[in-house]
Amino acid sequence: MSAPVPLLPPPAERLTVWGRLRDRVRGDPEWNRLVSWLSPLLLTALAALLRLANLGHPRTLAFDETYYVKDAWSLWTLGYEGTWGDGANEQFLTGDDGALGTEGSFIVHPPLGKWIIALGMGAFGPGNSAAWRLPVALVGAATVLLVYLVAKELTRSVVAASVAGLLLAVDGLSIVMSRIGLLDGILTFFVLLGFLFVLLDRRRSIPLVEAPAATEEQTLWGRIVWRRPWVIAAGIALGAATAVKWSGLYALAGLGLYLVVTDALARRRAGVAYWPMDAVARQGVVSFLLLVPAAFVTYLASWTGWLVTAGGYDRQTDANPFVALWNFHQAIYAFHIGLGSGHPYASPAWQWPLLIRPTAVWVGGDQSCGTDHCMSVISTVPNPLIWYGGVAAAVYLLYRFVRGLVERRPMPWTYGVPLVGLAVTYVPWLLYPERTIFQFYTVVMMPFLCLALVLGLRDMAGRRENPLPRRQAGERTVAVFLIAVVLVSAFFYPVWTGMSVPYEFWLIHNWLPTWI
């Protein structure tokens, strides 16, 4: 006689404490609605607080603000980037732009990010450090809301989305790049916005493609979907990203390929006989026409100030302003491919996963802390737990993804999204080992590292079908990790915001000798 099968305890007893709380919230529509609204609002408010507090410090042009902030004010006053004379930095800090000339200056990045920086100075005037950083800080806080929305779209879970938003809200690299008037935080916002729009399109278009075939002909060729407004929106967002920095082009190309691949897989699931050709030659052409022209028009519109004025650099090289703009772009491209000058904080892309050389964007020193030797530093070192945890999670997702392909097992499509994001924001930089680049460029990677980390933590926490002890241990581990993340962020916050601290206190934040 076989041994008796043990009876399972009631469902409520099989769940963890968090599981019971989650089910109670899900079972009450009012509580569910309240939590769904309250969580992203609180996370965005937290992000704004960390980014806006004492935003005007330091009251000087920090690092490359000397280029982007002055160029932003030049755009606001001239419509193009003009040249600045000697002593411009000192005069500008007092609100005096008398050193600005009308001769066009050679610049190496498109104008949109600088136009956004200029909005703060247009509202509150130049010479106000908080004014030129305010738009970047607000964009940084909005990026936290975006990562929440992307995670919610991926996981359908308020908890997972909240964890993703929390990780980005308290990450040091994201905080620093939201408190300095540089372009990379703005680039991050538009790239992530493009990803959100593509995911919204996926929710809408994939069911249309996978709908049962109505005729025999539709089993050979799938449905072509023209009405994809979210693809157009993604094109606009990614065109804006490219109009901030040309590296936005990598995201545009990567998401274009993502659309083709997901369309192909949907056609395969729908039983379309010629699904590869159908996705590439038919739907792929349509997706291209929806995505790329919208991006191109958006990018071109960002140059309106240069086009409608006469003083911009290379503006007079041709009577046709668009030909002159093409000539200017050739000069910018030649600069980028030839950029190889040394810099003490330069960090090639192969070093980035190891976090070898963060950038000190500002260093000061005073006696205000009451000791003989104080330090005031703004360092772009991320929260080490988030960074290294995100890198490990990305490796884990890649392993699971490749293993699923080899074993031909169904894999969660959600695993692919952070990997695509990391591919378009990191891999291209590996192709230019001779370029002078910096660790803080990885701020564009941070949302995708947070997404990868959330997916890894969710697997660590366990699923409903796992035994109760396994889930309890997993959820406790995740809770301890998140508490440690918040504590580490509190520990590092002074060196992310330039607080004056004793030298020894600053020194213990340098966990690797190369961080100094």
Protein backbone atom coordinates (compact mmCIF):
# COMPACT_ATOMS: atom_id res chain seq x y z
CA MET A 1 0.00 0.00 0.00
CA SER A 2 1.36 3.41 -0.97
CA ALA A 3 2.04 6.00 1.70
CA PRO A 4 -0.79 8.48 2.27
CA VAL A 5 -0.45 11.82 0.51
CA PRO A 6 -0.13 14.59 3.13
CA LEU A 7 -2.89 17.15 3.03
CA LEU A 8 -1.82 20.66 2.02
CA PRO A 9 -2.60 23.39 4.53
CA PRO A 10 -5.14 26.05 3.57
CA PRO A 11 -3.85 28.59 0.98
CA ALA A 12 -3.53 31.39 3.55
CA GLU A 13 -1.27 29.19 5.68
CA ARG A 14 0.91 28.26 2.71
CA LEU A 15 1.69 31.90 1.96
CA THR A 16 4.29 34.06 3.61
CA VAL A 17 3.40 37.15 5.61
CA TRP A 18 4.00 39.26 2.55
CA GLY A 19 1.92 36.92 0.42
CA ARG A 20 -1.09 37.25 2.73
CA LEU A 21 -0.75 41.02 2.77
CA ARG A 22 -0.48 41.10 -1.03
CA ASP A 23 -3.57 38.97 -1.49
CA ARG A 24 -5.51 41.14 0.94
CA VAL A 25 -4.61 44.26 -1.04
CA ARG A 26 -5.43 42.58 -4.34
CA GLY A 27 -8.76 41.46 -2.98
CA ASP A 28 -9.78 45.01 -2.06
CA PRO A 29 -10.17 47.18 -5.21
CA GLU A 30 -9.95 50.43 -3.25
CA TRP A 31 -6.73 49.45 -1.49
CA ASN A 32 -5.32 48.13 -4.76
CA ARG A 33 -6.08 51.42 -6.50
CA LEU A 34 -4.64 53.46 -3.64
CA VAL A 35 -1.39 51.50 -3.51
CA SER A 36 -1.03 51.60 -7.30
CA TRP A 37 -1.18 55.40 -7.23
CA LEU A 38 0.56 56.08 -3.93
CA SER A 39 3.66 53.98 -4.50
CA PRO A 40 4.95 55.75 -7.65
CA LEU A 41 4.08 59.16 -6.20
CA LEU A 42 6.06 58.50 -3.01
CA LEU A 43 9.02 57.12 -4.95
CA THR A 44 9.07 60.13 -7.27
CA ALA A 45 8.83 62.46 -4.27
CA LEU A 46 11.76 60.65 -2.60
CA ALA A 47 13.80 60.91 -5.78
CA ALA A 48 12.99 64.62 -6.08
CA LEU A 49 13.97 65.26 -2.47
CA LEU A 50 17.36 63.55 -2.85
CA ARG A 51 18.03 65.45 -6.08
CA LEU A 52 16.72 68.90 -5.18
CA ALA A 53 18.10 69.28 -1.63
CA ASN A 54 20.80 71.99 -1.63
CA LEU A 55 20.88 71.77 -5.42
CA GLY A 56 22.85 74.99 -5.82
CA HIS A 57 25.92 73.49 -4.14
CA PRO A 58 28.61 73.86 -5.36
CA ARG A 59 28.03 77.39 -6.57
CA THR A 60 30.44 77.03 -9.43
CA LEU A 61 30.64 75.37 -12.83
CA ALA A 62 31.48 71.77 -11.96
CA PHE A 63 33.32 69.53 -14.42
CA ASP A 64 31.83 69.83 -17.95
CA GLU A 65 29.19 72.29 -16.81
CA THR A 66 31.71 74.82 -18.06
CA TYR A 67 30.70 73.75 -21.59
CA TYR A 68 27.06 72.71 -21.40
CA VAL A 69 25.72 75.42 -19.10
CA LYS A 70 27.30 78.28 -20.98
CA ASP A 71 26.27 76.74 -24.31
CA ALA A 72 22.74 76.42 -22.93
CA TRP A 73 22.63 80.12 -22.09
CA SER A 74 24.07 80.92 -25.52
CA LEU A 75 21.25 78.93 -27.13
CA TRP A 76 18.73 80.82 -25.02
CA THR A 77 20.07 84.22 -26.07
CA LEU A 78 21.41 83.64 -29.60
CA GLY A 79 19.64 80.50 -30.81
CA TYR A 80 23.01 78.81 -31.36
CA GLU A 81 26.21 78.15 -29.40
CA GLY A 82 28.43 81.22 -29.47
CA THR A 83 32.02 81.68 -28.35
CA TRP A 84 32.98 82.84 -24.86
CA GLY A 85 35.92 85.11 -24.14
CA ASP A 86 38.53 85.05 -21.38
CA GLY A 87 37.23 85.09 -17.82
CA ALA A 88 33.83 83.87 -18.94
CA ASN A 89 33.40 81.40 -16.07
CA GLU A 90 33.99 83.96 -13.36
CA GLN A 91 31.72 86.53 -15.00
CA PHE A 92 29.00 83.99 -15.69
CA LEU A 93 28.80 83.02 -12.02
CA THR A 94 27.78 86.60 -11.25
CA GLY A 95 25.11 86.57 -13.94
CA ASP A 96 27.23 88.59 -16.38
CA ASP A 97 27.21 87.15 -19.91
CA GLY A 98 29.27 89.97 -21.38
CA ALA A 99 31.97 87.48 -22.43
CA LEU A 100 29.57 85.83 -24.89
CA GLY A 101 30.38 86.62 -28.51
CA THR A 102 28.23 86.18 -31.59
CA GLU A 103 30.72 84.06 -33.50
CA GLY A 104 29.60 80.43 -33.75
CA SER A 105 31.39 77.93 -31.52
CA PHE A 106 32.26 74.39 -32.56
CA ILE A 107 30.24 72.02 -30.39
CA VAL A 108 30.24 68.22 -30.36
CA HIS A 109 26.73 67.35 -29.10
CA PRO A 110 23.29 68.21 -30.50
CA PRO A 111 21.31 71.03 -28.86
CA LEU A 112 18.28 69.44 -27.17
CA GLY A 113 19.89 68.64 -23.81
CA LYS A 114 21.30 72.15 -23.61
CA TRP A 115 17.93 73.65 -24.47
CA ILE A 116 16.47 71.75 -21.51
CA ILE A 117 19.23 73.04 -19.21
CA ALA A 118 18.52 76.55 -20.52
CA LEU A 119 14.91 76.40 -19.31
CA GLY A 120 15.98 76.82 -15.70
CA MET A 121 18.16 79.82 -16.48
CA GLY A 122 15.44 81.29 -18.67
CA ALA A 123 13.12 81.17 -15.67
CA PHE A 124 15.54 82.28 -12.93
CA GLY A 125 18.43 83.88 -14.79
CA PRO A 126 22.08 82.89 -15.34
CA GLY A 127 24.59 82.92 -12.54
CA ASN A 128 22.27 80.80 -10.41
CA SER A 129 23.71 77.30 -10.06
CA ALA A 130 20.40 75.88 -8.85
CA ALA A 131 18.65 77.32 -11.92
CA TRP A 132 20.82 75.54 -14.48
CA ARG A 133 20.62 72.26 -12.54
CA LEU A 134 16.89 72.37 -11.82
CA PRO A 135 15.69 70.95 -15.17
CA VAL A 136 18.20 68.10 -14.95
CA ALA A 137 17.08 67.30 -11.39
CA LEU A 138 13.42 67.22 -12.40
CA VAL A 139 14.24 64.98 -15.36
CA GLY A 140 16.17 62.71 -12.98
CA ALA A 141 13.18 62.41 -10.64
CA ALA A 142 10.92 61.71 -13.62
CA THR A 143 13.31 58.93 -14.69
CA VAL A 144 12.56 57.15 -11.40
CA LEU A 145 8.86 57.27 -12.25
CA LEU A 146 9.68 55.89 -15.71
CA VAL A 147 11.61 52.93 -14.32
CA TYR A 148 8.63 52.19 -12.07
CA LEU A 149 6.30 52.21 -15.08
CA VAL A 150 8.64 50.03 -17.15
CA ALA A 151 8.99 47.52 -14.31
CA LYS A 152 5.21 47.52 -13.81
CA GLU A 153 4.75 46.79 -17.52
CA LEU A 154 7.27 43.97 -17.33
CA THR A 155 6.12 42.28 -14.14
CA ARG A 156 2.50 43.42 -13.59
CA SER A 157 3.56 43.80 -9.98
CA VAL A 158 3.37 46.96 -7.89
CA VAL A 159 5.91 45.46 -5.49
CA ALA A 160 8.51 44.70 -8.16
CA ALA A 161 7.94 48.09 -9.78
CA SER A 162 8.31 49.82 -6.42
CA VAL A 163 11.58 48.02 -5.73
CA ALA A 164 12.91 49.07 -9.14
CA GLY A 165 11.93 52.68 -8.49
CA LEU A 166 13.48 52.60 -5.02
CA LEU A 167 16.78 51.24 -6.35
CA LEU A 168 17.09 54.02 -8.93
CA ALA A 169 15.84 56.69 -6.51
CA VAL A 170 18.64 56.00 -3.99
CA ASP A 171 21.43 55.16 -6.42
CA GLY A 172 24.38 57.51 -6.21
CA LEU A 173 25.29 57.71 -9.88
CA SER A 174 21.71 58.62 -10.76
CA ILE A 175 21.59 61.18 -7.95
CA VAL A 176 24.86 62.86 -8.96
CA MET A 177 23.98 63.01 -12.66
CA SER A 178 20.65 64.58 -11.71
CA ARG A 179 22.36 67.29 -9.64
CA ILE A 180 24.93 68.40 -12.24
CA GLY A 181 24.17 70.27 -15.46
CA LEU A 182 25.42 67.56 -17.83
CA LEU A 183 23.63 65.77 -20.66
CA ASP A 184 23.75 62.13 -19.62
CA GLY A 185 20.85 62.22 -17.16
CA ILE A 186 18.64 63.78 -19.84
CA LEU A 187 19.76 61.13 -22.32
CA THR A 188 18.79 58.44 -19.80
CA PHE A 189 15.26 59.82 -19.52
CA PHE A 190 14.58 59.77 -23.26
CA VAL A 191 16.11 56.32 -23.80
CA LEU A 192 13.99 54.85 -21.01
CA LEU A 193 10.92 56.67 -22.33
CA GLY A 194 11.49 55.00 -25.71
CA PHE A 195 11.63 51.59 -24.01
CA LEU A 196 8.38 52.28 -22.16
CA PHE A 197 6.61 53.18 -25.40
CA VAL A 198 7.88 50.03 -27.11
CA LEU A 199 6.58 47.91 -24.22
CA LEU A 200 3.20 49.63 -24.44
CA ASP A 201 3.15 48.84 -28.14
CA ARG A 202 3.99 45.23 -27.37
CA ARG A 203 0.96 44.93 -25.11
CA ARG A 204 -1.28 46.32 -27.86
CA SER A 205 0.14 44.84 -31.06
CA ILE A 206 1.24 41.32 -30.12
CA PRO A 207 -2.35 40.11 -29.42
CA LEU A 208 -3.36 41.45 -32.84
CA VAL A 209 -0.57 39.49 -34.53
CA GLU A 210 -1.32 36.32 -32.56
CA ALA A 211 -5.06 36.44 -33.24
CA PRO A 212 -6.36 33.22 -34.87
CA ALA A 213 -6.10 33.21 -38.65
CA ALA A 214 -9.41 33.86 -40.40
CA THR A 215 -8.39 32.47 -43.80
CA GLU A 216 -5.95 29.95 -45.18
CA GLU A 217 -3.94 32.75 -46.74
CA GLN A 218 -3.35 34.24 -43.29
CA THR A 219 -1.64 31.03 -42.23
CA LEU A 220 1.04 31.78 -44.84
CA TRP A 221 1.40 35.49 -44.13
CA GLY A 222 0.52 37.25 -40.90
CA ARG A 223 -1.42 40.41 -40.27
CA ILE A 224 0.33 43.71 -41.00
CA VAL A 225 -0.37 46.21 -38.25
CA TRP A 226 -0.15 49.85 -39.28
CA ARG A 227 -1.95 51.40 -36.34
CA ARG A 228 0.88 51.44 -33.82
CA PRO A 229 0.89 54.89 -32.21
CA TRP A 230 3.28 53.77 -29.47
CA VAL A 231 5.93 52.97 -32.09
CA ILE A 232 5.63 56.53 -33.39
CA ALA A 233 5.90 57.80 -29.81
CA ALA A 234 9.00 55.64 -29.32
CA GLY A 235 10.50 57.16 -32.46
CA ILE A 236 9.92 60.65 -31.09
CA ALA A 237 11.47 59.73 -27.73
CA LEU A 238 14.51 58.07 -29.29
CA GLY A 239 14.90 60.93 -31.75
CA ALA A 240 14.98 63.22 -28.71
CA ALA A 241 17.61 60.95 -27.10
CA THR A 242 19.75 61.25 -30.23
CA ALA A 243 19.21 65.02 -30.15
CA VAL A 244 20.80 65.03 -26.68
CA LYS A 245 23.73 62.74 -27.54
CA TRP A 246 24.41 60.68 -30.64
CA SER A 247 24.63 57.54 -28.52
CA GLY A 248 20.83 57.64 -28.58
CA LEU A 249 21.16 56.17 -32.08
CA TYR A 250 22.23 52.86 -30.55
CA ALA A 251 18.97 52.70 -28.61
CA LEU A 252 17.01 53.55 -31.77
CA ALA A 253 18.71 50.77 -33.73
CA GLY A 254 18.44 48.27 -30.88
CA LEU A 255 14.75 48.85 -30.29
CA GLY A 256 14.10 48.69 -34.03
CA LEU A 257 15.63 45.20 -34.04
CA TYR A 258 13.66 44.33 -30.91
CA LEU A 259 10.42 45.20 -32.70
CA VAL A 260 11.33 42.94 -35.62
CA VAL A 261 12.32 40.02 -33.39
CA THR A 262 9.22 40.22 -31.19
CA ASP A 263 7.00 40.51 -34.27
CA ALA A 264 8.71 37.44 -35.76
CA LEU A 265 8.22 35.37 -32.61
CA ALA A 266 4.57 36.42 -32.39
CA ARG A 267 4.03 35.27 -35.96
CA ARG A 268 5.72 31.98 -35.19
CA ARG A 269 3.41 31.42 -32.21
CA ALA A 270 0.44 32.28 -34.42
CA GLY A 271 1.41 29.50 -36.85
CA VAL A 272 2.39 31.77 -39.75
CA ALA A 273 4.30 29.64 -42.24
CA TYR A 274 6.66 32.33 -43.52
CA TRP A 275 7.10 34.07 -40.18
CA PRO A 276 10.75 35.21 -40.59
CA MET A 277 10.19 36.82 -43.98
CA ASP A 278 6.83 38.13 -42.86
CA ALA A 279 8.35 39.92 -39.86
CA VAL A 280 11.33 41.37 -41.76
CA ALA A 281 10.06 42.18 -45.24
CA ARG A 282 6.47 43.11 -44.47
CA GLN A 283 5.87 44.18 -40.86
CA GLY A 284 9.51 45.22 -40.50
CA VAL A 285 9.17 47.78 -43.29
CA VAL A 286 6.03 49.16 -41.67
CA SER A 287 7.73 49.38 -38.27
CA PHE A 288 10.66 51.20 -39.88
CA LEU A 289 8.33 53.74 -41.49
CA LEU A 290 6.62 54.35 -38.16
CA LEU A 291 9.78 54.54 -36.04
CA VAL A 292 12.63 56.11 -38.00
CA PRO A 293 10.98 59.10 -39.73
CA ALA A 294 9.49 60.21 -36.40
CA ALA A 295 12.95 60.01 -34.85
CA PHE A 296 14.54 61.91 -37.76
CA VAL A 297 12.00 64.74 -37.69
CA THR A 298 12.41 65.07 -33.92
CA TYR A 299 16.18 65.18 -34.22
CA LEU A 300 16.08 67.74 -37.03
CA ALA A 301 13.64 69.92 -35.07
CA SER A 302 16.17 70.18 -32.25
CA TRP A 303 18.45 72.12 -34.63
CA THR A 304 15.80 74.75 -35.39
CA GLY A 305 17.72 77.52 -33.63
CA TRP A 306 20.84 76.81 -35.68
CA LEU A 307 18.84 76.57 -38.93
CA VAL A 308 16.85 79.79 -38.58
CA THR A 309 19.81 81.96 -37.48
CA ALA A 310 22.94 82.84 -39.41
CA GLY A 311 25.71 82.82 -36.82
CA GLY A 312 26.09 79.17 -35.92
CA TYR A 313 29.32 77.28 -36.56
CA ASP A 314 29.57 76.20 -40.25
CA ARG A 315 26.21 77.86 -40.89
CA GLN A 316 27.56 79.75 -43.89
CA THR A 317 29.32 76.82 -45.57
CA ASP A 318 26.43 76.45 -47.98
CA ALA A 319 23.46 78.54 -49.09
CA ASN A 320 21.21 75.59 -48.32
CA PRO A 321 20.95 75.40 -44.50
CA PHE A 322 20.43 71.63 -44.57
CA VAL A 323 23.60 71.11 -46.60
CA ALA A 324 25.43 73.37 -44.15
CA LEU A 325 24.05 71.31 -41.28
CA TRP A 326 25.33 68.15 -42.96
CA ASN A 327 28.77 69.75 -43.25
CA PHE A 328 28.65 70.55 -39.54
CA HIS A 329 27.72 66.96 -38.73
CA GLN A 330 30.69 65.70 -40.70
CA ALA A 331 32.97 67.89 -38.58
CA ILE A 332 31.35 66.62 -35.36
CA TYR A 333 31.75 63.01 -36.50
CA ALA A 334 35.43 63.57 -37.30
CA PHE A 335 35.93 64.95 -33.79
CA HIS A 336 34.28 61.99 -32.09
CA ILE A 337 36.20 59.31 -33.97
CA GLY A 338 39.49 61.10 -33.31
CA LEU A 339 38.91 61.82 -29.61
CA GLY A 340 41.74 60.18 -27.69
CA SER A 341 43.25 62.79 -25.38
CA GLY A 342 44.23 61.62 -21.92
CA HIS A 343 42.28 62.46 -18.78
CA PRO A 344 42.95 61.45 -15.16
CA TYR A 345 39.38 60.14 -14.76
CA ALA A 346 39.12 58.40 -18.13
CA SER A 347 37.75 54.85 -17.89
CA PRO A 348 37.51 52.49 -20.89
CA ALA A 349 34.30 50.54 -21.21
CA TRP A 350 35.83 47.19 -20.21
CA GLN A 351 36.42 48.65 -16.73
CA TRP A 352 32.83 49.74 -16.19
CA PRO A 353 31.37 46.48 -14.85
CA LEU A 354 34.19 46.34 -12.29
CA LEU A 355 33.59 49.96 -11.21
CA ILE A 356 37.29 50.72 -11.35
CA ARG A 357 37.40 54.48 -11.98
CA PRO A 358 34.44 56.67 -10.97
CA THR A 359 34.65 60.36 -11.80
CA ALA A 360 35.09 63.11 -9.23
CA VAL A 361 33.08 65.89 -10.86
CA TRP A 362 33.93 68.37 -8.12
CA VAL A 363 36.47 68.49 -5.29
CA GLY A 364 36.67 71.18 -2.60
CA GLY A 365 38.09 71.60 0.86
CA ASP A 366 37.43 73.81 3.89
CA GLN A 367 37.59 73.92 7.67
CA SER A 368 33.85 74.17 8.31
CA CYS A 369 33.56 70.66 9.72
CA GLY A 370 35.61 71.59 12.76
CA THR A 371 38.67 69.46 12.06
CA ASP A 372 42.07 70.23 10.63
CA HIS A 373 41.37 68.63 7.28
CA CYS A 374 37.97 68.45 5.58
CA MET A 375 36.93 67.21 2.17
CA SER A 376 34.02 68.16 -0.08
CA VAL A 377 33.68 65.76 -2.99
CA ILE A 378 31.04 64.92 -5.57
CA SER A 379 31.83 61.46 -6.89
CA THR A 380 29.87 59.51 -9.50
CA VAL A 381 30.39 56.20 -7.71
CA PRO A 382 27.05 54.36 -7.71
CA ASN A 383 25.67 52.50 -4.74
CA PRO A 384 28.06 49.52 -4.84
CA LEU A 385 25.37 47.02 -3.81
CA ILE A 386 23.07 48.16 -6.61
CA TRP A 387 25.85 48.28 -9.17
CA TYR A 388 27.51 44.94 -8.48
CA GLY A 389 24.14 43.33 -7.75
CA GLY A 390 22.80 44.64 -11.06
CA VAL A 391 25.81 43.35 -12.99
CA ALA A 392 25.45 39.91 -11.34
CA ALA A 393 21.71 39.90 -12.09
CA ALA A 394 22.37 40.77 -15.74
CA VAL A 395 24.79 37.84 -16.01
CA TYR A 396 22.16 35.61 -14.39
CA LEU A 397 19.44 36.73 -16.83
CA LEU A 398 21.80 36.21 -19.76
CA TYR A 399 22.62 32.71 -18.51
CA ARG A 400 18.95 31.84 -18.10
CA PHE A 401 18.15 33.29 -21.51
CA VAL A 402 20.93 31.42 -23.35
CA ARG A 403 20.19 28.20 -21.49
CA GLY A 404 16.54 28.50 -22.46
CA LEU A 405 17.48 28.91 -26.10
CA VAL A 406 19.86 25.93 -26.06
CA GLU A 407 17.37 23.66 -24.30
CA ARG A 408 14.45 25.09 -26.31
CA ARG A 409 12.53 25.85 -23.17
CA PRO A 410 10.04 28.73 -22.94
CA MET A 411 11.60 31.69 -21.19
CA PRO A 412 9.94 34.77 -19.68
CA TRP A 413 10.08 37.50 -22.32
CA THR A 414 10.74 39.96 -19.52
CA TYR A 415 14.31 38.69 -19.20
CA GLY A 416 15.15 40.06 -22.62
CA VAL A 417 14.19 43.70 -22.00
CA PRO A 418 16.95 44.62 -19.48
CA LEU A 419 19.44 42.72 -21.62
CA VAL A 420 18.45 44.71 -24.71
CA GLY A 421 18.73 47.92 -22.68
CA LEU A 422 22.22 47.01 -21.47
CA ALA A 423 23.27 45.92 -24.95
CA VAL A 424 22.40 49.27 -26.54
CA THR A 425 23.83 51.38 -23.70
CA TYR A 426 27.04 49.44 -23.02
CA VAL A 427 28.22 47.16 -25.83
CA PRO A 428 28.79 49.93 -28.44
CA TRP A 429 31.34 51.61 -26.16
CA LEU A 430 33.45 48.44 -26.23
CA LEU A 431 34.03 49.08 -29.94
CA TYR A 432 36.00 52.27 -29.19
CA PRO A 433 38.75 51.31 -26.72
CA GLU A 434 40.87 54.27 -27.78
CA ARG A 435 38.16 56.87 -27.04
CA THR A 436 38.38 59.10 -23.98
CA ILE A 437 35.24 58.07 -22.10
CA PHE A 438 34.13 58.11 -18.47
CA GLN A 439 32.45 55.84 -15.95
CA PHE A 440 29.56 58.28 -15.50
CA TYR A 441 28.34 57.42 -19.02
CA THR A 442 26.92 54.33 -17.33
CA VAL A 443 24.10 56.40 -15.84
CA VAL A 444 22.16 55.37 -18.96
CA MET A 445 22.72 51.73 -17.97
CA MET A 446 21.49 52.17 -14.40
CA PRO A 447 17.73 51.80 -15.09
CA PHE A 448 18.36 48.52 -16.89
CA LEU A 449 20.68 47.26 -14.15
CA CYS A 450 17.91 48.06 -11.66
CA LEU A 451 15.39 46.18 -13.81
CA ALA A 452 17.73 43.19 -14.09
CA LEU A 453 18.29 43.27 -10.33
CA VAL A 454 14.55 43.35 -9.64
CA LEU A 455 13.94 40.33 -11.87
CA GLY A 456 16.80 38.50 -10.15
CA LEU A 457 15.48 39.41 -6.70
CA ARG A 458 12.02 38.23 -7.68
CA ASP A 459 13.42 34.84 -8.62
CA MET A 460 15.38 34.79 -5.37
CA ALA A 461 12.23 35.52 -3.36
CA GLY A 462 10.56 32.47 -4.87
CA ARG A 463 7.20 31.77 -6.44
CA ARG A 464 3.86 30.53 -5.18
CA GLU A 465 4.62 26.94 -6.14
CA ASN A 466 7.79 26.90 -4.03
CA PRO A 467 7.64 25.37 -0.51
CA LEU A 468 6.84 27.81 2.25
CA PRO A 469 10.31 27.65 3.92
CA ARG A 470 11.92 28.40 0.56
CA ARG A 471 9.73 31.45 0.04
CA GLN A 472 10.20 32.70 3.58
CA ALA A 473 13.98 32.44 3.29
CA GLY A 474 13.94 34.11 -0.12
CA GLU A 475 11.77 37.03 0.95
CA ARG A 476 13.84 37.60 4.08
CA THR A 477 17.02 37.64 2.00
CA VAL A 478 15.55 40.19 -0.37
CA ALA A 479 14.33 42.34 2.53
CA VAL A 480 17.77 42.31 4.16
CA PHE A 481 19.39 43.23 0.84
CA LEU A 482 17.05 46.19 0.30
CA ILE A 483 17.63 47.45 3.85
CA ALA A 484 21.39 47.23 3.24
CA VAL A 485 21.00 49.16 -0.03
CA VAL A 486 19.22 52.02 1.72
CA LEU A 487 21.81 52.12 4.52
CA VAL A 488 24.71 52.17 2.03
CA SER A 489 23.04 55.02 0.14
CA ALA A 490 22.70 56.98 3.38
CA PHE A 491 26.39 56.32 4.05
CA PHE A 492 27.48 57.54 0.60
CA TYR A 493 25.08 60.48 0.28
CA PRO A 494 27.62 63.05 1.61
CA VAL A 495 30.09 62.20 -1.18
CA TRP A 496 27.33 62.32 -3.78
CA THR A 497 26.26 65.83 -2.82
CA GLY A 498 29.55 67.52 -1.91
CA MET A 499 29.01 67.79 1.86
CA SER A 500 32.00 68.93 3.88
CA VAL A 501 33.20 65.92 5.88
CA PRO A 502 36.38 64.95 7.76
CA TYR A 503 39.10 63.57 5.57
CA GLU A 504 39.02 60.17 7.32
CA PHE A 505 35.27 59.91 6.79
CA TRP A 506 35.73 60.56 3.06
CA LEU A 507 38.59 58.07 2.91
CA ILE A 508 36.51 55.12 4.14
CA HIS A 509 34.14 55.63 1.19
CA ASN A 510 36.91 54.70 -1.23
CA TRP A 511 36.42 50.94 -1.23
CA LEU A 512 38.91 50.50 -4.07
CA PRO A 513 42.20 52.41 -4.31
CA THR A 514 41.25 53.55 -7.82
CA TRP A 515 38.22 55.44 -6.46
CA ILE A 516 40.44 58.21 -5.09
